[in-house]
Amino acid sequence: MKTSKLFLSFAILSILFASCKPESETKTTVVDFEDVTLNSDSIWNGSDKSGILQNGTYYKSIFSGSIQ
């Protein structure tokens, strides 16, 4: 029982340390979608079926700058 608790503790700590990234690797990007053009008074909700069909729902990529 003691060995199981020790192994579980080690596994949890290993996952926590492995999932942490140094601050130098993180990147913050602000996206405001000001460069995305739609027709006036319009939205895209998939009803025109112009996107990609996946599991019965239409999806479409929207790009703003370098973000998809």
PDB file of N, CA and C in Angstrom:
ATOM      1  N   MET A   1       0.825  -1.186   0.000  1.00  0.00           N
ATOM      2  CA  MET A   1       0.000   0.000   0.000  1.00  0.00           C
ATOM      3  C   MET A   1       0.873   1.254   0.000  1.00  0.00           C
ATOM      4  N   LYS A   2       1.934   1.217   0.810  1.00  0.00           N
ATOM      5  CA  LYS A   2       2.832   2.349   0.886  1.00  0.00           C
ATOM      6  C   LYS A   2       3.540   2.571  -0.454  1.00  0.00           C
ATOM      7  N   THR A   3       3.874   1.476  -1.112  1.00  0.00           N
ATOM      8  CA  THR A   3       4.536   1.558  -2.413  1.00  0.00           C
ATOM      9  C   THR A   3       3.596   2.158  -3.452  1.00  0.00           C
ATOM     10  N   SER A   4       2.316   1.815  -3.388  1.00  0.00           N
ATOM     11  CA  SER A   4       1.339   2.351  -4.335  1.00  0.00           C
ATOM     12  C   SER A   4       1.192   3.859  -4.170  1.00  0.00           C
ATOM     13  N   LYS A   5       1.141   4.335  -2.935  1.00  0.00           N
ATOM     14  CA  LYS A   5       1.025   5.776  -2.690  1.00  0.00           C
ATOM     15  C   LYS A   5       2.273   6.510  -3.166  1.00  0.00           C
ATOM     16  N   LEU A   6       3.435   5.918  -2.926  1.00  0.00           N
ATOM     17  CA  LEU A   6       4.678   6.526  -3.366  1.00  0.00           C
ATOM     18  C   LEU A   6       4.734   6.596  -4.896  1.00  0.00           C
ATOM     19  N   PHE A   7       4.334   5.520  -5.564  1.00  0.00           N
ATOM     20  CA  PHE A   7       4.322   5.502  -7.027  1.00  0.00           C
ATOM     21  C   PHE A   7       3.332   6.520  -7.577  1.00  0.00           C
ATOM     22  N   LEU A   8       2.150   6.600  -6.978  1.00  0.00           N
ATOM     23  CA  LEU A   8       1.137   7.558  -7.431  1.00  0.00           C
ATOM     24  C   LEU A   8       1.634   8.980  -7.239  1.00  0.00           C
ATOM     25  N   SER A   9       2.246   9.268  -6.123  1.00  0.00           N
ATOM     26  CA  SER A   9       2.789  10.606  -5.874  1.00  0.00           C
ATOM     27  C   SER A   9       3.863  10.949  -6.898  1.00  0.00           C
ATOM     28  N   PHE A  10       4.748  10.006  -7.179  1.00  0.00           N
ATOM     29  CA  PHE A  10       5.798  10.230  -8.163  1.00  0.00           C
ATOM     30  C   PHE A  10       5.204  10.464  -9.555  1.00  0.00           C
ATOM     31  N   ALA A  11       4.190   9.703  -9.919  1.00  0.00           N
ATOM     32  CA  ALA A  11       3.557   9.854 -11.232  1.00  0.00           C
ATOM     33  C   ALA A  11       2.905  11.225 -11.369  1.00  0.00           C
ATOM     34  N   ILE A  12       2.217  11.675 -10.337  1.00  0.00           N
ATOM     35  CA  ILE A  12       1.551  12.984 -10.391  1.00  0.00           C
ATOM     36  C   ILE A  12       2.586  14.098 -10.497  1.00  0.00           C
ATOM     37  N   LEU A  13       3.630  14.038  -9.704  1.00  0.00           N
ATOM     38  CA  LEU A  13       4.681  15.056  -9.780  1.00  0.00           C
ATOM     39  C   LEU A  13       5.374  15.056 -11.137  1.00  0.00           C
ATOM     40  N   SER A  14       5.583  13.896 -11.709  1.00  0.00           N
ATOM     41  CA  SER A  14       6.215  13.811 -13.029  1.00  0.00           C
ATOM     42  C   SER A  14       5.358  14.476 -14.090  1.00  0.00           C
ATOM     43  N   ILE A  15       4.064  14.250 -14.036  1.00  0.00           N
ATOM     44  CA  ILE A  15       3.149  14.859 -15.014  1.00  0.00           C
ATOM     45  C   ILE A  15       3.130  16.370 -14.848  1.00  0.00           C
ATOM     46  N   LEU A  16       3.092  16.838 -13.605  1.00  0.00           N
ATOM     47  CA  LEU A  16       3.072  18.284 -13.365  1.00  0.00           C
ATOM     48  C   LEU A  16       4.329  18.964 -13.883  1.00  0.00           C
ATOM     49  N   PHE A  17       5.488  18.380 -13.615  1.00  0.00           N
ATOM     50  CA  PHE A  17       6.727  18.992 -14.075  1.00  0.00           C
ATOM     51  C   PHE A  17       6.897  18.882 -15.582  1.00  0.00           C
ATOM     52  N   ALA A  18       6.423  17.828 -16.182  1.00  0.00           N
ATOM     53  CA  ALA A  18       6.565  17.651 -17.627  1.00  0.00           C
ATOM     54  C   ALA A  18       5.649  18.593 -18.397  1.00  0.00           C
ATOM     55  N   SER A  19       4.530  18.983 -17.795  1.00  0.00           N
ATOM     56  CA  SER A  19       3.578  19.828 -18.503  1.00  0.00           C
ATOM     57  C   SER A  19       3.884  21.309 -18.372  1.00  0.00           C
ATOM     58  N   CYS A  20       4.819  21.683 -17.533  1.00  0.00           N
ATOM     59  CA  CYS A  20       5.178  23.091 -17.351  1.00  0.00           C
ATOM     60  C   CYS A  20       6.127  23.535 -18.450  1.00  0.00           C
ATOM     61  N   LYS A  21       5.873  24.718 -18.980  1.00  0.00           N
ATOM     62  CA  LYS A  21       6.758  25.292 -19.989  1.00  0.00           C
ATOM     63  C   LYS A  21       7.456  26.502 -19.384  1.00  0.00           C
ATOM     64  N   PRO A  22       8.692  26.702 -19.749  1.00  0.00           N
ATOM     65  CA  PRO A  22       9.364  27.926 -19.297  1.00  0.00           C
ATOM     66  C   PRO A  22       8.660  29.150 -19.864  1.00  0.00           C
ATOM     67  N   GLU A  23       8.737  30.256 -19.158  1.00  0.00           N
ATOM     68  CA  GLU A  23       8.047  31.469 -19.585  1.00  0.00           C
ATOM     69  C   GLU A  23       8.534  31.950 -20.951  1.00  0.00           C
ATOM     70  N   SER A  24       9.772  31.640 -21.299  1.00  0.00           N
ATOM     71  CA  SER A  24      10.310  32.068 -22.591  1.00  0.00           C
ATOM     72  C   SER A  24       9.652  31.338 -23.757  1.00  0.00           C
ATOM     73  N   GLU A  25       9.010  30.184 -23.520  1.00  0.00           N
ATOM     74  CA  GLU A  25       8.374  29.423 -24.587  1.00  0.00           C
ATOM     75  C   GLU A  25       6.914  29.814 -24.802  1.00  0.00           C
ATOM     76  N   THR A  26       6.335  30.560 -23.883  1.00  0.00           N
ATOM     77  CA  THR A  26       4.932  30.957 -24.046  1.00  0.00           C
ATOM     78  C   THR A  26       4.854  32.204 -24.914  1.00  0.00           C
ATOM     79  N   LYS A  27       3.776  32.318 -25.645  1.00  0.00           N
ATOM     80  CA  LYS A  27       3.607  33.429 -26.565  1.00  0.00           C
ATOM     81  C   LYS A  27       2.172  33.931 -26.463  1.00  0.00           C
ATOM     82  N   THR A  28       2.010  35.214 -26.317  1.00  0.00           N
ATOM     83  CA  THR A  28       0.686  35.810 -26.228  1.00  0.00           C
ATOM     84  C   THR A  28       0.411  36.579 -27.509  1.00  0.00           C
ATOM     85  N   THR A  29      -0.735  36.315 -28.115  1.00  0.00           N
ATOM     86  CA  THR A  29      -1.136  37.009 -29.329  1.00  0.00           C
ATOM     87  C   THR A  29      -2.543  37.542 -29.139  1.00  0.00           C
ATOM     88  N   VAL A  30      -2.739  38.816 -29.445  1.00  0.00           N
ATOM     89  CA  VAL A  30      -4.059  39.426 -29.358  1.00  0.00           C
ATOM     90  C   VAL A  30      -4.705  39.361 -30.731  1.00  0.00           C
ATOM     91  N   VAL A  31      -5.913  38.793 -30.788  1.00  0.00           N
ATOM     92  CA  VAL A  31      -6.647  38.676 -32.042  1.00  0.00           C
ATOM     93  C   VAL A  31      -7.944  39.458 -31.896  1.00  0.00           C
ATOM     94  N   ASP A  32      -8.188  40.409 -32.798  1.00  0.00           N
ATOM     95  CA  ASP A  32      -9.405  41.214 -32.699  1.00  0.00           C
ATOM     96  C   ASP A  32     -10.370  40.992 -33.862  1.00  0.00           C
ATOM     97  N   PHE A  33     -10.002  40.189 -34.833  1.00  0.00           N
ATOM     98  CA  PHE A  33     -10.837  39.846 -35.988  1.00  0.00           C
ATOM     99  C   PHE A  33     -11.268  41.070 -36.804  1.00  0.00           C
ATOM    100  N   GLU A  34     -10.546  42.172 -36.664  1.00  0.00           N
ATOM    101  CA  GLU A  34     -10.870  43.360 -37.448  1.00  0.00           C
ATOM    102  C   GLU A  34     -10.577  43.146 -38.933  1.00  0.00           C
ATOM    103  N   ASP A  35      -9.676  42.225 -39.258  1.00  0.00           N
ATOM    104  CA  ASP A  35      -9.326  41.995 -40.652  1.00  0.00           C
ATOM    105  C   ASP A  35     -10.187  40.920 -41.309  1.00  0.00           C
ATOM    106  N   VAL A  36     -11.152  40.352 -40.584  1.00  0.00           N
ATOM    107  CA  VAL A  36     -12.058  39.348 -41.139  1.00  0.00           C
ATOM    108  C   VAL A  36     -13.218  40.084 -41.804  1.00  0.00           C
ATOM    109  N   THR A  37     -13.462  39.764 -43.072  1.00  0.00           N
ATOM    110  CA  THR A  37     -14.527  40.465 -43.791  1.00  0.00           C
ATOM    111  C   THR A  37     -15.740  39.574 -43.960  1.00  0.00           C
ATOM    112  N   LEU A  38     -16.883  40.114 -43.653  1.00  0.00           N
ATOM    113  CA  LEU A  38     -18.180  39.484 -43.883  1.00  0.00           C
ATOM    114  C   LEU A  38     -19.048  40.485 -44.632  1.00  0.00           C
ATOM    115  N   ASN A  39     -20.091  39.998 -45.257  1.00  0.00           N
ATOM    116  CA  ASN A  39     -21.043  40.913 -45.867  1.00  0.00           C
ATOM    117  C   ASN A  39     -21.721  41.724 -44.762  1.00  0.00           C
ATOM    118  N   SER A  40     -22.230  42.883 -45.103  1.00  0.00           N
ATOM    119  CA  SER A  40     -22.886  43.703 -44.089  1.00  0.00           C
ATOM    120  C   SER A  40     -24.086  42.946 -43.505  1.00  0.00           C
ATOM    121  N   ASP A  41     -24.292  43.074 -42.219  1.00  0.00           N
ATOM    122  CA  ASP A  41     -25.382  42.410 -41.492  1.00  0.00           C
ATOM    123  C   ASP A  41     -25.371  40.899 -41.709  1.00  0.00           C
ATOM    124  N   SER A  42     -24.187  40.288 -41.677  1.00  0.00           N
ATOM    125  CA  SER A  42     -24.136  38.849 -41.907  1.00  0.00           C
ATOM    126  C   SER A  42     -23.336  38.146 -40.823  1.00  0.00           C
ATOM    127  N   ILE A  43     -23.571  36.850 -40.739  1.00  0.00           N
ATOM    128  CA  ILE A  43     -22.838  35.977 -39.844  1.00  0.00           C
ATOM    129  C   ILE A  43     -22.539  34.695 -40.610  1.00  0.00           C
ATOM    130  N   TRP A  44     -21.658  33.857 -40.075  1.00  0.00           N
ATOM    131  CA  TRP A  44     -21.469  32.539 -40.653  1.00  0.00           C
ATOM    132  C   TRP A  44     -21.826  31.534 -39.588  1.00  0.00           C
ATOM    133  N   ASN A  45     -22.874  30.770 -39.815  1.00  0.00           N
ATOM    134  CA  ASN A  45     -23.297  29.761 -38.843  1.00  0.00           C
ATOM    135  C   ASN A  45     -23.376  28.365 -39.460  1.00  0.00           C
ATOM    136  N   GLY A  46     -22.883  28.202 -40.685  1.00  0.00           N
ATOM    137  CA  GLY A  46     -22.856  26.890 -41.318  1.00  0.00           C
ATOM    138  C   GLY A  46     -24.118  26.530 -42.080  1.00  0.00           C
ATOM    139  N   SER A  47     -25.139  27.364 -42.019  1.00  0.00           N
ATOM    140  CA  SER A  47     -26.401  27.012 -42.676  1.00  0.00           C
ATOM    141  C   SER A  47     -26.294  27.026 -44.202  1.00  0.00           C
ATOM    142  N   ASP A  48     -25.316  27.741 -44.751  1.00  0.00           N
ATOM    143  CA  ASP A  48     -25.156  27.736 -46.206  1.00  0.00           C
ATOM    144  C   ASP A  48     -24.311  26.550 -46.679  1.00  0.00           C
ATOM    145  N   LYS A  49     -23.859  25.720 -45.746  1.00  0.00           N
ATOM    146  CA  LYS A  49     -23.093  24.501 -46.030  1.00  0.00           C
ATOM    147  C   LYS A  49     -21.829  24.782 -46.840  1.00  0.00           C
ATOM    148  N   SER A  50     -21.195  25.943 -46.600  1.00  0.00           N
ATOM    149  CA  SER A  50     -19.969  26.277 -47.318  1.00  0.00           C
ATOM    150  C   SER A  50     -18.718  25.821 -46.585  1.00  0.00           C
ATOM    151  N   GLY A  51     -18.882  25.260 -45.407  1.00  0.00           N
ATOM    152  CA  GLY A  51     -17.724  24.791 -44.642  1.00  0.00           C
ATOM    153  C   GLY A  51     -17.436  23.328 -44.909  1.00  0.00           C
ATOM    154  N   ILE A  52     -16.720  22.722 -43.977  1.00  0.00           N
ATOM    155  CA  ILE A  52     -16.357  21.306 -44.066  1.00  0.00           C
ATOM    156  C   ILE A  52     -17.273  20.517 -43.145  1.00  0.00           C
ATOM    157  N   LEU A  53     -17.892  19.475 -43.673  1.00  0.00           N
ATOM    158  CA  LEU A  53     -18.823  18.650 -42.898  1.00  0.00           C
ATOM    159  C   LEU A  53     -18.048  17.663 -42.038  1.00  0.00           C
ATOM    160  N   GLN A  54     -18.271  17.739 -40.712  1.00  0.00           N
ATOM    161  CA  GLN A  54     -17.655  16.800 -39.769  1.00  0.00           C
ATOM    162  C   GLN A  54     -18.710  16.416 -38.741  1.00  0.00           C
ATOM    163  N   ASN A  55     -19.030  15.143 -38.701  1.00  0.00           N
ATOM    164  CA  ASN A  55     -19.997  14.613 -37.725  1.00  0.00           C
ATOM    165  C   ASN A  55     -21.337  15.352 -37.770  1.00  0.00           C
ATOM    166  N   GLY A  56     -21.799  15.674 -38.949  1.00  0.00           N
ATOM    167  CA  GLY A  56     -23.100  16.296 -39.109  1.00  0.00           C
ATOM    168  C   GLY A  56     -23.123  17.798 -38.894  1.00  0.00           C
ATOM    169  N   THR A  57     -21.975  18.422 -38.650  1.00  0.00           N
ATOM    170  CA  THR A  57     -21.895  19.860 -38.433  1.00  0.00           C
ATOM    171  C   THR A  57     -20.897  20.457 -39.409  1.00  0.00           C
ATOM    172  N   TYR A  58     -21.209  21.639 -39.939  1.00  0.00           N
ATOM    173  CA  TYR A  58     -20.314  22.313 -40.864  1.00  0.00           C
ATOM    174  C   TYR A  58     -19.360  23.235 -40.099  1.00  0.00           C
ATOM    175  N   TYR A  59     -18.079  23.131 -40.421  1.00  0.00           N
ATOM    176  CA  TYR A  59     -17.045  23.964 -39.808  1.00  0.00           C
ATOM    177  C   TYR A  59     -16.323  24.742 -40.899  1.00  0.00           C
ATOM    178  N   LYS A  60     -15.877  25.927 -40.568  1.00  0.00           N
ATOM    179  CA  LYS A  60     -15.138  26.752 -41.507  1.00  0.00           C
ATOM    180  C   LYS A  60     -14.024  27.457 -40.754  1.00  0.00           C
ATOM    181  N   SER A  61     -12.840  27.506 -41.337  1.00  0.00           N
ATOM    182  CA  SER A  61     -11.714  28.197 -40.716  1.00  0.00           C
ATOM    183  C   SER A  61     -11.823  29.678 -40.969  1.00  0.00           C
ATOM    184  N   ILE A  62     -11.577  30.448 -39.939  1.00  0.00           N
ATOM    185  CA  ILE A  62     -11.529  31.898 -40.041  1.00  0.00           C
ATOM    186  C   ILE A  62     -10.124  32.312 -39.671  1.00  0.00           C
ATOM    187  N   PHE A  63      -9.496  33.105 -40.509  1.00  0.00           N
ATOM    188  CA  PHE A  63      -8.133  33.547 -40.267  1.00  0.00           C
ATOM    189  C   PHE A  63      -8.125  35.014 -39.888  1.00  0.00           C
ATOM    190  N   SER A  64      -7.365  35.344 -38.867  1.00  0.00           N
ATOM    191  CA  SER A  64      -7.138  36.730 -38.481  1.00  0.00           C
ATOM    192  C   SER A  64      -5.646  36.880 -38.233  1.00  0.00           C
ATOM    193  N   GLY A  65      -4.960  37.535 -39.142  1.00  0.00           N
ATOM    194  CA  GLY A  65      -3.513  37.607 -39.051  1.00  0.00           C
ATOM    195  C   GLY A  65      -2.917  36.236 -39.254  1.00  0.00           C
ATOM    196  N   SER A  66      -2.123  35.763 -38.298  1.00  0.00           N
ATOM    197  CA  SER A  66      -1.505  34.447 -38.412  1.00  0.00           C
ATOM    198  C   SER A  66      -2.260  33.403 -37.607  1.00  0.00           C
ATOM    199  N   ILE A  67      -3.417  33.738 -37.084  1.00  0.00           N
ATOM    200  CA  ILE A  67      -4.213  32.852 -36.238  1.00  0.00           C
ATOM    201  C   ILE A  67      -5.361  32.268 -37.034  1.00  0.00           C
ATOM    202  N   GLN A  68      -5.610  30.972 -36.848  1.00  0.00           N
ATOM    203  CA  GLN A  68      -6.723  30.298 -37.514  1.00  0.00           C
ATOM    204  C   GLN A  68      -7.752  29.921 -36.482  1.00  0.00           C
TER     205      GLN A  68
END
